[in-house]
Amino acid sequence: MDTNQLFLLGYISKKHGYKGNVVLYIDTDHPSYYHSIKNIWINQNGVNTPFIIENLKVLKEDQLVLSLKNIDLDKCERLIKKEVYIPSSQVPVLDEQRFFNRDVIDFKIYDKYEELIGTVEEIIEIPNNTLIQSSVDGIEVLIPFNDNTLIEINKSKKELTIEIPAGLIELYTNG
């Protein structure tokens, strides 16, 4: 399967036990959406290879223990740190007000006064403190990004309106 038809779900973080099981770290905003996947794709030496999941157990919300068909203890070692994909067709379609954080990369950022601040360059996910990385006048700024700061999202226009704490932008740009 071509990489542009695949969605990056996460990566194999480690082996689990002594039967060849592996831990899939799900690196998305809503990991529980993927607790019932039936197969995954892993890029091995430039080739996207499908793997059938024989057994799946939730270890943590963002971690699954997978038993993959034809993978034993020796073979599972080669999968560690490899990126894991699923077909894009298996990714849930979200309504206009719901989104995956990675979907807002390149969106324009406006403050509550409708002033253009910049463009979303990256989303930095720190536990309990997701940040938008942007640039203002060539200077990197980090803006809090959560349910309390998000005023509006317009997917069709690729725009976010954010409640930016008073003085935050100036703290970066006047320093």
Protein backbone atom coordinates (compact mmCIF):
# COMPACT_ATOMS: atom_id res chain seq x y z
CA MET A 1 0.00 0.00 0.00
CA ASP A 2 1.29 3.46 -0.91
CA THR A 3 2.31 5.65 2.04
CA ASN A 4 -0.09 8.45 1.00
CA GLN A 5 -2.97 5.98 1.57
CA LEU A 6 -1.78 5.31 5.11
CA PHE A 7 -2.24 7.16 8.40
CA LEU A 8 0.65 7.25 10.89
CA LEU A 9 -0.83 5.74 14.04
CA GLY A 10 2.25 5.41 16.24
CA TYR A 11 5.20 3.09 16.66
CA ILE A 12 6.23 -0.21 18.19
CA SER A 13 7.79 0.84 21.49
CA LYS A 14 9.00 -2.49 22.92
CA LYS A 15 8.41 -6.20 23.12
CA HIS A 16 5.99 -7.55 25.69
CA GLY A 17 6.56 -10.93 27.32
CA TYR A 18 8.35 -13.87 25.74
CA LYS A 19 5.95 -14.93 22.98
CA GLY A 20 6.76 -12.22 20.45
CA ASN A 21 4.09 -9.74 21.47
CA VAL A 22 4.84 -6.04 20.98
CA VAL A 23 3.56 -2.79 22.48
CA LEU A 24 2.07 -0.33 20.03
CA TYR A 25 2.28 3.26 21.26
CA ILE A 26 -0.64 5.14 19.67
CA ASP A 27 0.52 8.67 18.96
CA THR A 28 -2.81 10.37 18.22
CA ASP A 29 -5.18 12.68 20.05
CA HIS A 30 -7.88 10.03 20.50
CA PRO A 31 -6.13 6.68 21.05
CA SER A 32 -9.32 4.88 22.10
CA TYR A 33 -10.62 5.18 18.53
CA TYR A 34 -8.09 2.50 17.57
CA HIS A 35 -8.60 -0.09 20.31
CA SER A 36 -10.23 -2.54 17.88
CA ILE A 37 -7.94 -2.42 14.83
CA LYS A 38 -7.50 -5.70 12.97
CA ASN A 39 -4.32 -5.04 10.99
CA ILE A 40 -1.41 -2.62 10.78
CA TRP A 41 1.25 -1.69 8.25
CA ILE A 42 4.92 -1.29 9.10
CA ASN A 43 7.52 0.17 6.76
CA GLN A 44 10.42 -2.27 6.56
CA ASN A 45 13.34 -1.34 4.32
CA GLY A 46 11.19 0.99 2.24
CA VAL A 47 8.32 -1.49 1.80
CA ASN A 48 4.98 -1.08 3.59
CA THR A 49 4.24 -4.54 4.98
CA PRO A 50 0.83 -5.57 6.34
CA PHE A 51 0.53 -7.47 9.63
CA ILE A 52 -2.58 -9.23 10.88
CA ILE A 53 -3.38 -8.71 14.55
CA GLU A 54 -4.26 -12.06 16.12
CA ASN A 55 -4.81 -10.68 19.60
CA LEU A 56 -5.02 -7.18 21.03
CA LYS A 57 -5.05 -6.09 24.66
CA VAL A 58 -5.28 -2.53 25.98
CA LEU A 59 -2.25 -1.88 28.20
CA LYS A 60 -2.96 1.85 28.72
CA GLU A 61 -5.24 4.18 26.79
CA ASP A 62 -2.42 4.97 24.36
CA GLN A 63 -0.72 1.55 24.41
CA LEU A 64 -1.85 -1.78 23.00
CA VAL A 65 -0.21 -5.18 23.36
CA LEU A 66 -0.35 -6.84 19.96
CA SER A 67 0.12 -10.44 18.99
CA LEU A 68 0.93 -10.37 15.27
CA LYS A 69 0.49 -13.35 12.97
CA ASN A 70 3.79 -15.12 12.16
CA ILE A 71 5.81 -12.92 14.56
CA ASP A 72 7.79 -14.70 17.25
CA LEU A 73 10.26 -13.41 19.83
CA ASP A 74 13.15 -13.20 17.35
CA LYS A 75 11.12 -11.44 14.64
CA CYS A 76 9.52 -8.95 17.03
CA GLU A 77 12.94 -7.45 17.86
CA ARG A 78 13.15 -6.12 14.28
CA LEU A 79 9.87 -4.23 14.70
CA ILE A 80 10.91 -2.15 17.72
CA LYS A 81 10.95 1.61 17.02
CA LYS A 82 9.27 1.09 13.62
CA GLU A 83 6.42 3.41 12.65
CA VAL A 84 2.96 1.82 12.50
CA TYR A 85 0.31 2.81 9.97
CA ILE A 86 -3.29 1.95 9.24
CA PRO A 87 -5.17 2.59 6.00
CA SER A 88 -6.49 6.17 5.89
CA SER A 89 -9.94 4.71 5.25
CA GLN A 90 -9.93 3.38 8.85
CA VAL A 91 -9.40 6.82 10.39
CA PRO A 92 -12.65 8.22 11.80
CA VAL A 93 -14.11 11.21 9.99
CA LEU A 94 -14.62 14.01 12.49
CA ASP A 95 -17.22 16.75 12.30
CA GLU A 96 -16.36 20.42 11.70
CA GLN A 97 -15.69 21.17 15.39
CA ARG A 98 -13.63 18.03 16.14
CA PHE A 99 -10.14 17.39 14.82
CA PHE A 100 -6.87 15.62 15.32
CA ASN A 101 -4.11 17.97 16.49
CA ARG A 102 -1.95 17.10 13.48
CA ASP A 103 -4.80 18.24 11.20
CA VAL A 104 -4.33 21.89 12.18
CA ILE A 105 -0.70 22.16 11.02
CA ASP A 106 -0.51 25.10 8.57
CA PHE A 107 -3.79 26.60 9.82
CA LYS A 108 -3.78 30.37 10.27
CA ILE A 109 -4.02 31.53 13.90
CA TYR A 110 -6.23 34.46 14.83
CA ASP A 111 -6.71 36.00 18.25
CA LYS A 112 -10.14 36.86 19.67
CA TYR A 113 -9.91 40.30 18.00
CA GLU A 114 -9.57 38.57 14.60
CA GLU A 115 -5.95 39.70 14.24
CA LEU A 116 -3.70 37.29 12.34
CA ILE A 117 -1.01 36.00 14.71
CA GLY A 118 0.75 33.44 12.52
CA THR A 119 0.50 29.89 11.24
CA VAL A 120 0.51 26.62 13.17
CA GLU A 121 3.98 25.18 12.54
CA GLU A 122 3.79 22.32 15.01
CA ILE A 123 1.67 20.98 17.84
CA ILE A 124 3.71 20.14 20.92
CA GLU A 125 1.94 17.66 23.18
CA ILE A 126 3.12 17.76 26.75
CA PRO A 127 0.88 16.05 29.33
CA ASN A 128 -1.79 18.55 30.39
CA ASN A 129 -0.19 21.33 28.33
CA THR A 130 -0.59 21.12 24.55
CA LEU A 131 1.10 24.04 22.77
CA ILE A 132 0.98 25.55 19.30
CA GLN A 133 4.39 26.45 17.91
CA SER A 134 4.27 29.44 15.58
CA SER A 135 6.45 32.37 14.54
CA VAL A 136 5.74 36.05 14.99
CA ASP A 137 8.13 38.42 13.21
CA GLY A 138 10.57 35.52 12.82
CA ILE A 139 10.52 34.69 16.55
CA GLU A 140 9.23 31.34 17.79
CA VAL A 141 6.22 31.60 20.10
CA LEU A 142 4.40 28.89 22.03
CA ILE A 143 0.67 29.34 22.55
CA PRO A 144 -1.47 27.22 24.92
CA PHE A 145 -3.89 25.02 22.93
CA ASN A 146 -6.76 23.35 24.74
CA ASP A 147 -10.55 23.44 25.15
CA ASN A 148 -10.28 26.65 27.20
CA THR A 149 -8.17 28.56 24.66
CA LEU A 150 -9.78 27.34 21.42
CA ILE A 151 -12.56 29.74 20.47
CA GLU A 152 -13.33 28.49 16.98
CA ILE A 153 -12.01 26.20 14.27
CA ASN A 154 -12.87 26.55 10.61
CA LYS A 155 -11.55 23.53 8.74
CA SER A 156 -12.66 24.73 5.31
CA LYS A 157 -10.77 28.04 5.69
CA LYS A 158 -7.93 26.37 7.65
CA GLU A 159 -8.25 28.87 10.51
CA LEU A 160 -8.11 28.72 14.30
CA THR A 161 -9.29 31.45 16.64
CA ILE A 162 -7.47 31.22 19.95
CA GLU A 163 -7.79 33.03 23.29
CA ILE A 164 -4.18 34.08 23.76
CA PRO A 165 -3.23 35.09 27.30
CA ALA A 166 -2.70 38.85 27.59
CA GLY A 167 0.94 39.82 27.04
CA LEU A 168 2.08 36.36 25.90
CA ILE A 169 3.07 37.33 22.35
CA GLU A 170 4.81 40.48 23.60
CA LEU A 171 6.74 38.39 26.12
CA TYR A 172 8.38 36.60 23.18
CA THR A 173 8.69 39.50 20.74
CA ASN A 174 9.83 42.30 23.08
CA GLY A 175 12.47 40.25 24.90
